C-alpha atoms as a PDB file:
ATOM      1  CA  MET A   1      11.564 126.274  66.193  1.00  0.00           C
ATOM      2  CA  LYS A   2      11.458 128.568  69.206  1.00  0.00           C
ATOM      3  CA  LEU A   3      11.293 127.111  72.708  1.00  0.00           C
ATOM      4  CA  LEU A   4       8.352 128.601  74.584  1.00  0.00           C
ATOM      5  CA  GLU A   5       9.007 129.245  78.245  1.00  0.00           C
ATOM      6  CA  ASN A   6       6.482 127.611  80.531  1.00  0.00           C
ATOM      7  CA  ALA A   7       7.018 127.384  84.288  1.00  0.00           C
ATOM      8  CA  LYS A   8       4.544 124.508  84.733  1.00  0.00           C
ATOM      9  CA  LEU A   9       6.254 122.378  82.085  1.00  0.00           C
ATOM     10  CA  GLU A  10       9.638 123.144  83.612  1.00  0.00           C
ATOM     11  CA  ALA A  11       8.326 122.024  86.999  1.00  0.00           C
ATOM     12  CA  VAL A  12       6.955 118.713  85.730  1.00  0.00           C
ATOM     13  CA  SER A  13      10.163 118.118  83.748  1.00  0.00           C
ATOM     14  CA  ASP A  14      12.150 118.522  86.954  1.00  0.00           C
ATOM     15  CA  ALA A  15       9.762 116.128  88.684  1.00  0.00           C
ATOM     16  CA  LEU A  16      10.319 113.560  85.926  1.00  0.00           C
ATOM     17  CA  SER A  17      13.837 112.957  87.219  1.00  0.00           C
ATOM     18  CA  ILE A  18      12.985 109.974  89.422  1.00  0.00           C
ATOM     19  CA  GLU A  19      15.325 107.534  91.160  1.00  0.00           C
ATOM     20  CA  THR A  20      13.926 104.041  91.646  1.00  0.00           C
ATOM     21  CA  GLY A  21      15.504 100.921  93.039  1.00  0.00           C
ATOM     22  CA  ASP A  22      16.835  99.585  89.753  1.00  0.00           C
ATOM     23  CA  SER A  23      16.608 102.517  87.349  1.00  0.00           C
ATOM     24  CA  LYS A  24      16.554 106.267  86.927  1.00  0.00           C
ATOM     25  CA  ILE A  25      13.788 108.003  84.985  1.00  0.00           C
ATOM     26  CA  ILE A  26      14.821 111.105  83.033  1.00  0.00           C
ATOM     27  CA  GLY A  27      12.132 113.013  81.173  1.00  0.00           C
ATOM     28  CA  LYS A  28      11.347 116.463  79.853  1.00  0.00           C
ATOM     29  CA  VAL A  29       8.333 118.212  78.367  1.00  0.00           C
ATOM     30  CA  GLU A  30       8.933 121.201  76.096  1.00  0.00           C
ATOM     31  CA  SER A  31       6.742 123.443  73.970  1.00  0.00           C
ATOM     32  CA  TYR A  32       7.874 124.905  70.639  1.00  0.00           C
ATOM     33  CA  SER A  33       6.422 127.465  68.274  1.00  0.00           C
ATOM     34  CA  CYS A  34       6.121 126.287  64.660  1.00  0.00           C
ATOM     35  CA  LYS A  35       6.681 129.812  63.374  1.00  0.00           C
ATOM     36  CA  MET A  36       9.892 129.645  61.377  1.00  0.00           C
ATOM     37  CA  ALA A  37      12.785 132.015  61.884  1.00  0.00           C
ATOM     38  CA  GLY A  38      16.457 132.144  61.020  1.00  0.00           C
ATOM     39  CA  ASN A  39      17.951 128.757  60.235  1.00  0.00           C
ATOM     40  CA  ASP A  40      14.535 127.072  60.059  1.00  0.00           C
ATOM     41  CA  LYS A  41      13.492 129.407  57.242  1.00  0.00           C
ATOM     42  CA  ARG A  42      16.686 128.731  55.324  1.00  0.00           C
ATOM     43  CA  LEU A  43      16.352 124.966  55.649  1.00  0.00           C
ATOM     44  CA  PHE A  44      12.719 125.080  54.613  1.00  0.00           C
ATOM     45  CA  LYS A  45      13.568 127.166  51.530  1.00  0.00           C
ATOM     46  CA  VAL A  46      16.255 124.639  50.570  1.00  0.00           C
ATOM     47  CA  MET A  47      13.731 121.835  50.887  1.00  0.00           C
ATOM     48  CA  SER A  48      11.204 123.727  48.764  1.00  0.00           C
ATOM     49  CA  SER A  49      13.789 124.613  46.100  1.00  0.00           C
ATOM     50  CA  GLU A  50      14.699 120.977  45.496  1.00  0.00           C
ATOM     51  CA  GLY A  51      11.619 120.476  43.353  1.00  0.00           C
ATOM     52  CA  GLN A  52       9.620 118.927  46.177  1.00  0.00           C
ATOM     53  CA  SER A  53       6.513 120.613  47.477  1.00  0.00           C
ATOM     54  CA  PRO A  54       6.048 121.054  51.228  1.00  0.00           C
ATOM     55  CA  HIS A  55       2.624 119.499  50.661  1.00  0.00           C
ATOM     56  CA  ASP A  56       3.986 116.275  49.140  1.00  0.00           C
ATOM     57  CA  LEU A  57       2.889 113.288  51.190  1.00  0.00           C
ATOM     58  CA  GLN A  58       5.432 111.125  52.991  1.00  0.00           C
ATOM     59  CA  ALA A  59       4.843 107.573  54.201  1.00  0.00           C
ATOM     60  CA  LEU A  60       5.019 107.016  57.957  1.00  0.00           C
ATOM     61  CA  SER A  61       5.610 103.811  59.876  1.00  0.00           C
ATOM     62  CA  PRO A  62       2.616 102.189  61.572  1.00  0.00           C
ATOM     63  CA  PRO A  63       2.028 103.061  65.244  1.00  0.00           C
ATOM     64  CA  GLN A  64       3.999 101.082  67.791  1.00  0.00           C
ATOM     65  CA  THR A  65       1.101  98.743  68.596  1.00  0.00           C
ATOM     66  CA  GLN A  66      -1.036  97.786  65.612  1.00  0.00           C
ATOM     67  CA  ALA A  67      -3.586  96.175  67.895  1.00  0.00           C
ATOM     68  CA  SER A  68      -4.381  99.576  69.385  1.00  0.00           C
ATOM     69  CA  LEU A  69      -5.482 101.054  66.077  1.00  0.00           C
ATOM     70  CA  SER A  70      -9.050 102.153  65.619  1.00  0.00           C
ATOM     71  CA  PRO A  71     -10.808 100.452  62.664  1.00  0.00           C
ATOM     72  CA  SER A  72     -12.128 103.850  61.581  1.00  0.00           C
ATOM     73  CA  ARG A  73      -8.666 105.204  60.800  1.00  0.00           C
ATOM     74  CA  GLN A  74      -7.760 105.897  57.176  1.00  0.00           C
ATOM     75  CA  TYR A  75      -4.616 104.562  55.547  1.00  0.00           C
ATOM     76  CA  SER A  76      -2.877 104.933  52.207  1.00  0.00           C
ATOM     77  CA  ARG A  77      -0.033 103.198  50.426  1.00  0.00           C
ATOM     78  CA  SER A  78       3.270 104.867  49.762  1.00  0.00           C
ATOM     79  CA  ALA A  79       4.075 105.155  46.070  1.00  0.00           C
ATOM     80  CA  SER A  80       7.202 103.088  46.717  1.00  0.00           C
ATOM     81  CA  ASP A  81       5.352 100.221  48.415  1.00  0.00           C
ATOM     82  CA  GLU A  82       5.224  96.943  46.544  1.00  0.00           C
ATOM     83  CA  GLY A  83       3.343  93.675  46.812  1.00  0.00           C
ATOM     84  CA  GLU A  84       2.246  92.901  50.336  1.00  0.00           C
ATOM     85  CA  SER A  85       3.681  96.014  51.979  1.00  0.00           C
ATOM     86  CA  PRO A  86       1.522  97.069  54.946  1.00  0.00           C
ATOM     87  CA  LEU A  87      -0.795 100.055  54.747  1.00  0.00           C
ATOM     88  CA  CYS A  88       0.567 103.149  56.416  1.00  0.00           C
ATOM     89  CA  ASP A  89      -0.285 106.694  57.367  1.00  0.00           C
ATOM     90  CA  THR A  90       1.084 109.674  55.506  1.00  0.00           C
ATOM     91  CA  CYS A  91       1.815 113.287  56.362  1.00  0.00           C
ATOM     92  CA  SER A  92       3.183 116.275  54.478  1.00  0.00           C
ATOM     93  CA  ARG A  93       6.870 117.049  54.059  1.00  0.00           C
ATOM     94  CA  LYS A  94       6.181 120.224  56.003  1.00  0.00           C
ATOM     95  CA  MET A  95       5.004 118.160  58.985  1.00  0.00           C
ATOM     96  CA  ILE A  96       8.158 116.040  58.825  1.00  0.00           C
ATOM     97  CA  PHE A  97      10.130 119.288  58.801  1.00  0.00           C
ATOM     98  CA  TYR A  98       8.340 120.423  61.967  1.00  0.00           C
ATOM     99  CA  LEU A  99       9.079 117.110  63.704  1.00  0.00           C
ATOM    100  CA  THR A 100      12.764 117.001  62.765  1.00  0.00           C
ATOM    101  CA  SER A 101      13.199 120.674  63.662  1.00  0.00           C
ATOM    102  CA  THR A 102      11.704 119.975  67.086  1.00  0.00           C
ATOM    103  CA  LEU A 103      14.159 117.110  67.616  1.00  0.00           C
ATOM    104  CA  ASN A 104      17.055 119.314  66.539  1.00  0.00           C
ATOM    105  CA  ALA A 105      16.001 122.051  68.950  1.00  0.00           C
ATOM    106  CA  SER A 106      15.509 119.682  71.868  1.00  0.00           C
ATOM    107  CA  PHE A 107      18.710 117.638  71.450  1.00  0.00           C
ATOM    108  CA  HIS A 108      20.984 120.467  70.268  1.00  0.00           C
ATOM    109  CA  PRO A 109      23.974 120.391  70.025  1.00  0.00           C
ATOM    110  CA  ASP A 110      24.566 116.657  70.491  1.00  0.00           C
ATOM    111  CA  TYR A 111      22.486 115.363  67.589  1.00  0.00           C
ATOM    112  CA  ASP A 112      21.426 116.420  64.113  1.00  0.00           C
ATOM    113  CA  PHE A 113      18.138 114.982  62.839  1.00  0.00           C
ATOM    114  CA  SER A 114      18.020 116.952  59.596  1.00  0.00           C
ATOM    115  CA  GLU A 115      18.384 113.754  57.547  1.00  0.00           C
ATOM    116  CA  ALA A 116      15.742 111.798  59.481  1.00  0.00           C
ATOM    117  CA  LYS A 117      13.359 109.923  57.165  1.00  0.00           C
ATOM    118  CA  SER A 118       9.601 109.859  57.310  1.00  0.00           C
ATOM    119  CA  HIS A 119       9.530 106.133  58.121  1.00  0.00           C
ATOM    120  CA  GLU A 120      11.201 106.909  61.454  1.00  0.00           C
ATOM    121  CA  PHE A 121       7.987 108.658  62.535  1.00  0.00           C
ATOM    122  CA  SER A 122       4.497 107.344  63.252  1.00  0.00           C
ATOM    123  CA  ARG A 123       1.132 108.982  63.633  1.00  0.00           C
ATOM    124  CA  GLU A 124      -0.510 107.698  66.782  1.00  0.00           C
ATOM    125  CA  PRO A 125      -4.160 106.609  66.930  1.00  0.00           C
ATOM    126  CA  SER A 126      -5.497 108.967  69.575  1.00  0.00           C
ATOM    127  CA  CYS A 127      -4.787 111.127  72.588  1.00  0.00           C
ATOM    128  CA  GLN A 128      -5.985 108.378  74.914  1.00  0.00           C
ATOM    129  CA  TRP A 129      -3.667 105.828  73.359  1.00  0.00           C
ATOM    130  CA  VAL A 130      -0.645 108.122  73.821  1.00  0.00           C
ATOM    131  CA  MET A 131      -1.637 108.947  77.397  1.00  0.00           C
ATOM    132  CA  ASN A 132      -2.077 105.250  78.213  1.00  0.00           C
ATOM    133  CA  ALA A 133       1.311 104.373  76.707  1.00  0.00           C
ATOM    134  CA  ILE A 134       3.086 107.107  78.671  1.00  0.00           C
ATOM    135  CA  ASP A 135       1.235 106.366  81.917  1.00  0.00           C
ATOM    136  CA  SER A 136       1.958 102.649  81.608  1.00  0.00           C
ATOM    137  CA  ASN A 137       5.712 103.111  81.202  1.00  0.00           C
ATOM    138  CA  LEU A 138       6.015 105.638  83.988  1.00  0.00           C
ATOM    139  CA  PHE A 139       3.736 103.894  86.486  1.00  0.00           C
ATOM    140  CA  VAL A 140       5.515 100.554  86.079  1.00  0.00           C
ATOM    141  CA  ALA A 141       8.863 102.284  86.608  1.00  0.00           C
ATOM    142  CA  ALA A 142       7.984 104.842  89.285  1.00  0.00           C
ATOM    143  CA  GLY A 143       4.794 103.566  90.917  1.00  0.00           C
ATOM    144  CA  GLU A 144       3.201 105.888  93.458  1.00  0.00           C
ATOM    145  CA  VAL A 145       5.694 108.653  92.740  1.00  0.00           C
ATOM    146  CA  TYR A 146       4.275 108.903  89.234  1.00  0.00           C
ATOM    147  CA  SER A 147       0.700 108.489  90.458  1.00  0.00           C
ATOM    148  CA  ALA A 148       1.140 111.660  92.512  1.00  0.00           C
ATOM    149  CA  LEU A 149       2.694 113.524  89.577  1.00  0.00           C
ATOM    150  CA  LYS A 150       0.273 112.330  86.877  1.00  0.00           C
ATOM    151  CA  PRO A 151      -2.607 114.851  87.409  1.00  0.00           C
ATOM    152  CA  LYS A 152      -0.229 117.832  87.415  1.00  0.00           C
ATOM    153  CA  LEU A 153       1.623 116.500  84.370  1.00  0.00           C
ATOM    154  CA  TRP A 154      -1.435 116.132  82.147  1.00  0.00           C
ATOM    155  CA  ALA A 155      -3.007 119.363  83.397  1.00  0.00           C
ATOM    156  CA  ALA A 156       0.154 121.283  82.483  1.00  0.00           C
ATOM    157  CA  ILE A 157       0.286 119.607  79.057  1.00  0.00           C
ATOM    158  CA  ASP A 158      -3.387 120.290  78.344  1.00  0.00           C
ATOM    159  CA  ASP A 159      -3.069 123.935  79.401  1.00  0.00           C
ATOM    160  CA  GLU A 160      -0.179 124.421  76.982  1.00  0.00           C
ATOM    161  CA  ILE A 161      -1.289 122.461  73.913  1.00  0.00           C
ATOM    162  CA  VAL A 162      -5.090 121.710  74.262  1.00  0.00           C
ATOM    163  CA  LEU A 163      -5.047 117.940  73.849  1.00  0.00           C
ATOM    164  CA  ALA A 164      -8.502 117.768  72.259  1.00  0.00           C
ATOM    165  CA  GLU A 165      -7.215 119.746  69.256  1.00  0.00           C
ATOM    166  CA  CYS A 166      -3.983 117.832  68.697  1.00  0.00           C
ATOM    167  CA  GLU A 167      -2.502 115.352  66.269  1.00  0.00           C
ATOM    168  CA  PHE A 168      -0.071 112.872  67.815  1.00  0.00           C
ATOM    169  CA  TYR A 169       3.212 111.602  66.430  1.00  0.00           C
ATOM    170  CA  SER A 170       6.132 109.559  67.716  1.00  0.00           C
ATOM    171  CA  TYR A 171       9.768 109.164  66.754  1.00  0.00           C
ATOM    172  CA  ASN A 172      10.888 105.535  66.548  1.00  0.00           C
ATOM    173  CA  PRO A 173      14.353 105.331  64.966  1.00  0.00           C
ATOM    174  CA  ASP A 174      16.559 102.298  64.549  1.00  0.00           C
ATOM    175  CA  LEU A 175      19.381 101.783  67.027  1.00  0.00           C
ATOM    176  CA  GLU A 176      21.994 103.667  64.999  1.00  0.00           C
ATOM    177  CA  CYS A 177      19.942 106.870  64.926  1.00  0.00           C
ATOM    178  CA  ASP A 178      18.411 106.622  68.387  1.00  0.00           C
ATOM    179  CA  PRO A 179      19.618 109.374  70.762  1.00  0.00           C
ATOM    180  CA  TYR A 180      18.862 106.908  73.549  1.00  0.00           C
ATOM    181  CA  GLY A 181      20.579 103.952  71.905  1.00  0.00           C
ATOM    182  CA  GLU A 182      23.423 103.567  74.365  1.00  0.00           C
ATOM    183  CA  GLU A 183      23.856 100.556  76.614  1.00  0.00           C
ATOM    184  CA  GLY A 184      21.782 100.520  79.786  1.00  0.00           C
ATOM    185  CA  ILE A 185      18.626 102.165  78.409  1.00  0.00           C
ATOM    186  CA  LEU A 186      15.673 100.046  79.511  1.00  0.00           C
ATOM    187  CA  TRP A 187      13.050 101.924  77.482  1.00  0.00           C
ATOM    188  CA  SER A 188      12.434 105.317  75.964  1.00  0.00           C
ATOM    189  CA  PHE A 189       9.765 107.267  74.104  1.00  0.00           C
ATOM    190  CA  ASN A 190       9.495 110.465  72.051  1.00  0.00           C
ATOM    191  CA  TYR A 191       5.985 111.868  71.507  1.00  0.00           C
ATOM    192  CA  PHE A 192       4.873 115.012  69.679  1.00  0.00           C
ATOM    193  CA  PHE A 193       1.580 116.800  70.337  1.00  0.00           C
ATOM    194  CA  TYR A 194       0.823 119.074  67.367  1.00  0.00           C
ATOM    195  CA  ASN A 195      -1.836 121.789  67.553  1.00  0.00           C
ATOM    196  CA  LYS A 196      -2.356 123.290  64.100  1.00  0.00           C
ATOM    197  CA  LYS A 197      -4.501 126.164  65.388  1.00  0.00           C
ATOM    198  CA  LEU A 198      -1.894 127.256  67.903  1.00  0.00           C
ATOM    199  CA  LYS A 199       0.989 126.535  65.490  1.00  0.00           C
ATOM    200  CA  ARG A 200       2.703 124.770  68.333  1.00  0.00           C
ATOM    201  CA  ILE A 201       4.301 121.408  69.098  1.00  0.00           C
ATOM    202  CA  LEU A 202       4.716 119.959  72.566  1.00  0.00           C
ATOM    203  CA  PHE A 203       7.521 117.393  72.793  1.00  0.00           C
ATOM    204  CA  PHE A 204       7.565 114.756  75.551  1.00  0.00           C
ATOM    205  CA  THR A 205      10.706 112.649  75.696  1.00  0.00           C
ATOM    206  CA  CYS A 206      11.661 110.209  78.436  1.00  0.00           C
ATOM    207  CA  ARG A 207      13.980 107.304  79.126  1.00  0.00           C
ATOM    208  CA  ALA A 208      14.734 104.809  81.898  1.00  0.00           C
ATOM    209  CA  VAL A 209      18.402 104.106  82.597  1.00  0.00           C
ATOM    210  CA  SER A 210      19.516 101.004  84.423  1.00  0.00           C
ATOM    211  CA  SER A 211      21.065 101.787  87.798  1.00  0.00           C
ATOM    212  CA  SER A 212      23.900  99.361  87.053  1.00  0.00           C
ATOM    213  CA  ALA A 213      24.659 101.245  83.817  1.00  0.00           C
ATOM    214  CA  SER A 214      24.681 104.537  85.730  1.00  0.00           C
ATOM    215  CA  LYS A 215      27.154 103.069  88.205  1.00  0.00           C
ATOM    216  CA  VAL A 216      29.445 101.914  85.392  1.00  0.00           C
ATOM    217  CA  ALA A 217      29.369 105.416  83.890  1.00  0.00           C
ATOM    218  CA  SER A 218      30.190 106.901  87.279  1.00  0.00           C
ATOM    219  CA  ASP A 219      33.091 104.498  87.798  1.00  0.00           C
ATOM    220  CA  SER A 220      34.367 105.287  84.320  1.00  0.00           C
ATOM    221  CA  GLY A 221      34.330 108.985  85.119  1.00  0.00           C
ATOM    222  CA  ILE A 222      36.324 108.412  88.271  1.00  0.00           C
ATOM    223  CA  GLY A 223      38.915 106.472  86.328  1.00  0.00           C
ATOM    224  CA  GLN A 224      39.421 109.310  83.910  1.00  0.00           C
ATOM    225  CA  ASP A 225      39.794 111.876  86.646  1.00  0.00           C
ATOM    226  CA  ILE A 226      42.277 109.751  88.598  1.00  0.00           C
ATOM    227  CA  GLY A 227      44.389 109.691  85.447  1.00  0.00           C
ATOM    228  CA  MET A 228      44.844 113.463  85.597  1.00  0.00           C
ATOM    229  CA  ASP A 229      48.023 115.048  86.790  1.00  0.00           C
ATOM    230  CA  MET A 230      47.075 115.554  90.424  1.00  0.00           C
ATOM    231  CA  GLU A 231      49.976 117.901  91.139  1.00  0.00           C
ATOM    232  CA  GLU A 232      49.016 120.197  88.266  1.00  0.00           C
ATOM    233  CA  TYR A 233      45.578 120.711  89.742  1.00  0.00           C
ATOM    234  CA  ASP A 234      46.836 120.759  93.351  1.00  0.00           C
ATOM    235  CA  ILE A 235      44.277 118.169  94.464  1.00  0.00           C
ATOM    236  CA  GLU A 236      45.051 116.138  97.544  1.00  0.00           C
ATOM    237  CA  TYR A 237      44.373 112.419  97.113  1.00  0.00           C
ATOM    238  CA  ASP A 238      42.244 112.208 100.270  1.00  0.00           C
ATOM    239  CA  GLU A 239      40.039 115.088  99.070  1.00  0.00           C
ATOM    240  CA  TYR A 240      39.637 113.445  95.677  1.00  0.00           C
ATOM    241  CA  VAL A 241      38.545 110.123  97.203  1.00  0.00           C
ATOM    242  CA  ASP A 242      35.991 111.876  99.387  1.00  0.00           C
ATOM    243  CA  ASP A 243      34.470 113.635  96.382  1.00  0.00           C
ATOM    244  CA  ALA A 244      34.848 110.818  93.859  1.00  0.00           C
ATOM    245  CA  ASP A 245      31.194 109.848  93.873  1.00  0.00           C
ATOM    246  CA  ASP A 246      30.318 113.298  92.554  1.00  0.00           C
ATOM    247  CA  PHE A 247      32.003 112.657  89.198  1.00  0.00           C
ATOM    248  CA  THR A 248      29.306 111.352  86.858  1.00  0.00           C
ATOM    249  CA  TYR A 249      28.452 111.885  83.230  1.00  0.00           C
ATOM    250  CA  SER A 250      25.443 113.937  82.246  1.00  0.00           C
ATOM    251  CA  ASN A 251      23.519 113.198  79.045  1.00  0.00           C
ATOM    252  CA  THR A 252      25.186 116.100  77.220  1.00  0.00           C
ATOM    253  CA  GLU A 253      28.638 114.692  78.005  1.00  0.00           C
ATOM    254  CA  ARG A 254      28.130 111.408  76.142  1.00  0.00           C
ATOM    255  CA  LEU A 255      30.675 111.051  73.367  1.00  0.00           C
ATOM    256  CA  THR A 256      28.122 110.216  70.705  1.00  0.00           C
ATOM    257  CA  PRO A 257      28.846 111.372  67.144  1.00  0.00           C
ATOM    258  CA  VAL A 258      26.508 113.757  65.385  1.00  0.00           C
ATOM    259  CA  MET A 259      24.373 111.864  62.892  1.00  0.00           C
ATOM    260  CA  TYR A 260      24.361 112.739  59.217  1.00  0.00           C
END
């Protein structure tokens, strides 16, 4: 998956870093080409050589809110379902490959989603449902700040991916596999907007981090730095204290093991 440069998406991603009274919102919106190259081609060939067709159907989990489903939607049962198992959507193995490849590209190098299963993904009912879910989370957390950003956000997304032509998916892993599973995360979401005509996926990921959790992380960082050999680095204690608040962990510095 190749990241497509887009100045408008970069601008709204920057704007999605929002400090509120009790939390910090961190979001990003990225666009990827589905045209395979390099490692993607190799992985796809391996998948195809294992006796499984890229067109084989895989069972997905139901959308996050069953009550929001349209009665006109079509469902099928997975071949492995038994008894009273709920009806579920399906998609091709190739689509699952696109979704996991997008996750790998976006979260590289901290996480590996190559072994993610189809039941960790859902197909969402409609564009409006996804927009409402995103708007609800962000407005509750950021209020008027998000209200001002909202028109620019959706205009930039529509310009890049053409919402009216998209299919919508989400990634909803269990806690062990969740890249946002650490303590202090209040909520998170991962949505995919797939345009088959454009051969493109737009990925919108966002999380809210408790301010108290951020403070703990900052304090922890200070503790580690104080433990350094101050003489070796020729740092005066008074200078260190003045700058201590600047030592915080970024998302890429979290010591979270790669998932297999």
